[in-house]
Amino acid sequence: MIYKPIGIPMTELQHITIYRDELEAMRLCDLLDMTQETAGNKMGISRGTVQRLLSSARKKIIKAVAERKALCIEKEENTKPT
């Protein structure tokens, strides 16, 4: 899925990739007002990992909006230990 500024062809835009786990961390913490600990429990990851995902996602989204870049939502990044 891609979100882009209106009026600029995709061929002229730089892309920023945001992963579904970053988006899910933002949804849980920012939209549903969960604590990072609660969100981590729901996602099956540590609170620290949620904090890292939130920081990364927020920077990517504001960069895409402020610098008029396409925001590409990709499948889940591997955040769980293997």
N, C-alpha and C. Protein backbone atom coordinates (compact mmCIF):
# COMPACT_ATOMS: atom_id res chain seq x y z
N MET A 1 0.85 -1.15 0.00
CA MET A 1 0.00 0.00 0.00
C MET A 1 0.90 1.23 0.00
N ILE A 2 0.53 2.24 -0.77
CA ILE A 2 1.33 3.45 -0.87
C ILE A 2 0.45 4.68 -0.67
N TYR A 3 0.94 5.62 0.15
CA TYR A 3 0.32 6.93 0.29
C TYR A 3 1.31 7.93 -0.29
N LYS A 4 0.79 8.84 -1.11
CA LYS A 4 1.68 9.80 -1.76
C LYS A 4 1.03 11.17 -1.82
N PRO A 5 1.86 12.20 -1.98
CA PRO A 5 1.30 13.54 -2.15
C PRO A 5 0.52 13.61 -3.46
N ILE A 6 -0.57 14.32 -3.45
CA ILE A 6 -1.39 14.48 -4.65
C ILE A 6 -0.65 15.37 -5.65
N GLY A 7 -0.83 15.07 -6.91
CA GLY A 7 -0.30 15.91 -7.97
C GLY A 7 1.14 15.64 -8.37
N ILE A 8 1.79 14.68 -7.73
CA ILE A 8 3.17 14.34 -8.09
C ILE A 8 3.19 12.89 -8.57
N PRO A 9 3.63 12.64 -9.80
CA PRO A 9 3.68 11.26 -10.29
C PRO A 9 4.62 10.40 -9.44
N MET A 10 4.27 9.13 -9.26
CA MET A 10 5.08 8.21 -8.47
C MET A 10 6.51 8.14 -8.98
N THR A 11 6.69 8.28 -10.29
CA THR A 11 8.04 8.19 -10.86
C THR A 11 8.94 9.33 -10.41
N GLU A 12 8.35 10.39 -9.90
CA GLU A 12 9.12 11.56 -9.46
C GLU A 12 9.31 11.60 -7.94
N LEU A 13 8.76 10.63 -7.23
CA LEU A 13 8.81 10.64 -5.77
C LEU A 13 9.85 9.69 -5.21
N GLN A 14 10.50 10.12 -4.15
CA GLN A 14 11.31 9.21 -3.36
C GLN A 14 10.35 8.45 -2.45
N HIS A 15 10.74 7.23 -2.06
CA HIS A 15 9.89 6.39 -1.24
C HIS A 15 10.50 6.19 0.15
N ILE A 16 9.63 6.14 1.14
CA ILE A 16 10.01 5.78 2.50
C ILE A 16 9.18 4.56 2.86
N THR A 17 9.83 3.52 3.36
CA THR A 17 9.13 2.29 3.72
C THR A 17 8.86 2.27 5.21
N ILE A 18 7.61 2.01 5.56
CA ILE A 18 7.22 1.79 6.95
C ILE A 18 6.67 0.37 7.02
N TYR A 19 7.10 -0.37 8.03
CA TYR A 19 6.69 -1.76 8.17
C TYR A 19 5.42 -1.87 9.00
N ARG A 20 4.68 -2.94 8.76
CA ARG A 20 3.39 -3.12 9.44
C ARG A 20 3.54 -3.16 10.96
N ASP A 21 4.65 -3.71 11.46
CA ASP A 21 4.82 -3.74 12.91
C ASP A 21 5.05 -2.33 13.47
N GLU A 22 5.69 -1.45 12.70
CA GLU A 22 5.84 -0.06 13.12
C GLU A 22 4.47 0.62 13.16
N LEU A 23 3.69 0.39 12.13
CA LEU A 23 2.35 0.95 12.05
C LEU A 23 1.45 0.42 13.16
N GLU A 24 1.57 -0.88 13.46
CA GLU A 24 0.76 -1.48 14.53
C GLU A 24 1.14 -0.89 15.89
N ALA A 25 2.42 -0.67 16.13
CA ALA A 25 2.84 -0.06 17.39
C ALA A 25 2.24 1.34 17.53
N MET A 26 2.25 2.10 16.44
CA MET A 26 1.64 3.44 16.47
C MET A 26 0.13 3.36 16.69
N ARG A 27 -0.51 2.42 16.02
CA ARG A 27 -1.97 2.27 16.17
C ARG A 27 -2.33 1.97 17.63
N LEU A 28 -1.60 1.03 18.22
CA LEU A 28 -1.91 0.64 19.60
C LEU A 28 -1.62 1.77 20.59
N CYS A 29 -0.46 2.40 20.45
CA CYS A 29 -0.05 3.42 21.43
C CYS A 29 -0.68 4.78 21.18
N ASP A 30 -0.69 5.21 19.92
CA ASP A 30 -1.15 6.57 19.62
C ASP A 30 -2.65 6.66 19.35
N LEU A 31 -3.21 5.66 18.70
CA LEU A 31 -4.63 5.70 18.38
C LEU A 31 -5.48 5.10 19.51
N LEU A 32 -5.03 3.97 20.05
CA LEU A 32 -5.81 3.29 21.10
C LEU A 32 -5.33 3.63 22.51
N ASP A 33 -4.33 4.49 22.62
CA ASP A 33 -3.81 4.97 23.91
C ASP A 33 -3.32 3.87 24.85
N MET A 34 -2.77 2.80 24.28
CA MET A 34 -2.18 1.75 25.11
C MET A 34 -0.80 2.21 25.57
N THR A 35 -0.37 1.70 26.72
CA THR A 35 1.01 1.94 27.13
C THR A 35 1.91 1.09 26.24
N GLN A 36 3.19 1.45 26.22
CA GLN A 36 4.15 0.66 25.44
C GLN A 36 4.22 -0.77 25.96
N GLU A 37 4.11 -0.93 27.26
CA GLU A 37 4.15 -2.27 27.84
C GLU A 37 2.95 -3.11 27.40
N THR A 38 1.75 -2.52 27.44
CA THR A 38 0.55 -3.22 27.02
C THR A 38 0.60 -3.55 25.53
N ALA A 39 1.05 -2.59 24.73
CA ALA A 39 1.18 -2.81 23.29
C ALA A 39 2.18 -3.93 23.02
N GLY A 40 3.29 -3.93 23.75
CA GLY A 40 4.29 -4.99 23.59
C GLY A 40 3.73 -6.35 23.92
N ASN A 41 2.96 -6.43 24.99
CA ASN A 41 2.33 -7.71 25.35
C ASN A 41 1.38 -8.17 24.26
N LYS A 42 0.61 -7.26 23.71
CA LYS A 42 -0.34 -7.60 22.65
C LYS A 42 0.38 -8.05 21.38
N MET A 43 1.52 -7.40 21.08
CA MET A 43 2.28 -7.73 19.87
C MET A 43 3.26 -8.89 20.09
N GLY A 44 3.47 -9.29 21.33
CA GLY A 44 4.40 -10.38 21.63
C GLY A 44 5.86 -9.95 21.55
N ILE A 45 6.12 -8.68 21.87
CA ILE A 45 7.48 -8.13 21.84
C ILE A 45 7.71 -7.33 23.11
N SER A 46 8.96 -6.94 23.35
CA SER A 46 9.28 -6.19 24.56
C SER A 46 8.84 -4.73 24.45
N ARG A 47 8.73 -4.08 25.61
CA ARG A 47 8.40 -2.66 25.64
C ARG A 47 9.47 -1.85 24.92
N GLY A 48 10.71 -2.25 25.09
CA GLY A 48 11.81 -1.56 24.42
C GLY A 48 11.70 -1.63 22.90
N THR A 49 11.27 -2.78 22.40
CA THR A 49 11.08 -2.93 20.96
C THR A 49 9.93 -2.06 20.49
N VAL A 50 8.87 -1.97 21.26
CA VAL A 50 7.75 -1.08 20.91
C VAL A 50 8.27 0.36 20.84
N GLN A 51 9.07 0.76 21.81
CA GLN A 51 9.61 2.12 21.82
C GLN A 51 10.45 2.37 20.56
N ARG A 52 11.26 1.41 20.17
CA ARG A 52 12.08 1.54 18.96
C ARG A 52 11.20 1.64 17.71
N LEU A 53 10.15 0.81 17.64
CA LEU A 53 9.23 0.84 16.50
C LEU A 53 8.52 2.18 16.41
N LEU A 54 8.06 2.71 17.55
CA LEU A 54 7.36 3.99 17.57
C LEU A 54 8.27 5.12 17.09
N SER A 55 9.48 5.15 17.59
CA SER A 55 10.42 6.19 17.20
C SER A 55 10.69 6.15 15.70
N SER A 56 10.93 4.96 15.19
CA SER A 56 11.21 4.79 13.76
C SER A 56 10.01 5.20 12.91
N ALA A 57 8.83 4.72 13.29
CA ALA A 57 7.61 4.99 12.51
C ALA A 57 7.27 6.48 12.50
N ARG A 58 7.36 7.11 13.63
CA ARG A 58 7.03 8.54 13.72
C ARG A 58 7.97 9.36 12.84
N LYS A 59 9.26 9.04 12.88
CA LYS A 59 10.23 9.77 12.05
C LYS A 59 9.94 9.56 10.57
N LYS A 60 9.62 8.34 10.19
CA LYS A 60 9.34 8.04 8.78
C LYS A 60 8.10 8.79 8.30
N ILE A 61 7.06 8.78 9.10
CA ILE A 61 5.81 9.43 8.69
C ILE A 61 5.99 10.94 8.57
N ILE A 62 6.63 11.56 9.56
CA ILE A 62 6.80 13.01 9.48
C ILE A 62 7.74 13.38 8.34
N LYS A 63 8.73 12.55 8.07
CA LYS A 63 9.64 12.82 6.95
C LYS A 63 8.88 12.75 5.63
N ALA A 64 8.03 11.74 5.48
CA ALA A 64 7.25 11.59 4.25
C ALA A 64 6.32 12.78 4.05
N VAL A 65 5.66 13.21 5.09
CA VAL A 65 4.73 14.34 4.98
C VAL A 65 5.48 15.66 4.76
N ALA A 66 6.48 15.90 5.57
CA ALA A 66 7.20 17.18 5.52
C ALA A 66 8.01 17.34 4.24
N GLU A 67 8.54 16.24 3.72
CA GLU A 67 9.40 16.31 2.55
C GLU A 67 8.73 15.82 1.27
N ARG A 68 7.41 15.63 1.33
CA ARG A 68 6.61 15.22 0.17
C ARG A 68 7.18 13.98 -0.51
N LYS A 69 7.22 12.89 0.25
CA LYS A 69 7.70 11.61 -0.26
C LYS A 69 6.57 10.60 -0.17
N ALA A 70 6.67 9.54 -0.96
CA ALA A 70 5.69 8.46 -0.90
C ALA A 70 5.97 7.61 0.34
N LEU A 71 4.91 7.19 1.02
CA LEU A 71 5.03 6.33 2.20
C LEU A 71 4.52 4.95 1.81
N CYS A 72 5.42 3.98 1.77
CA CYS A 72 5.09 2.62 1.36
C CYS A 72 4.96 1.74 2.60
N ILE A 73 3.82 1.08 2.75
CA ILE A 73 3.59 0.19 3.88
C ILE A 73 3.90 -1.22 3.41
N GLU A 74 4.88 -1.84 4.06
CA GLU A 74 5.34 -3.17 3.69
C GLU A 74 4.95 -4.19 4.73
N LYS A 75 5.21 -5.46 4.38
CA LYS A 75 4.89 -6.52 5.34
C LYS A 75 5.77 -6.40 6.57
N GLU A 76 5.46 -7.18 7.57
CA GLU A 76 6.07 -7.09 8.88
C GLU A 76 7.59 -7.28 8.85
N GLU A 77 8.27 -6.38 9.56
CA GLU A 77 9.71 -6.51 9.77
C GLU A 77 9.92 -7.56 10.85
N ASN A 78 10.98 -8.30 10.78
CA ASN A 78 11.24 -9.34 11.78
C ASN A 78 11.78 -8.69 13.04
N THR A 79 10.91 -8.55 14.07
CA THR A 79 11.32 -7.91 15.33
C THR A 79 11.47 -8.93 16.44
N LYS A 80 11.01 -10.16 16.21
CA LYS A 80 11.09 -11.19 17.23
C LYS A 80 12.43 -11.93 17.13
N PRO A 81 13.02 -12.28 18.26
CA PRO A 81 14.28 -13.02 18.21
C PRO A 81 14.08 -14.37 17.54
N THR A 82 15.08 -14.80 16.78
CA THR A 82 14.98 -16.11 16.11
C THR A 82 15.74 -17.17 16.84
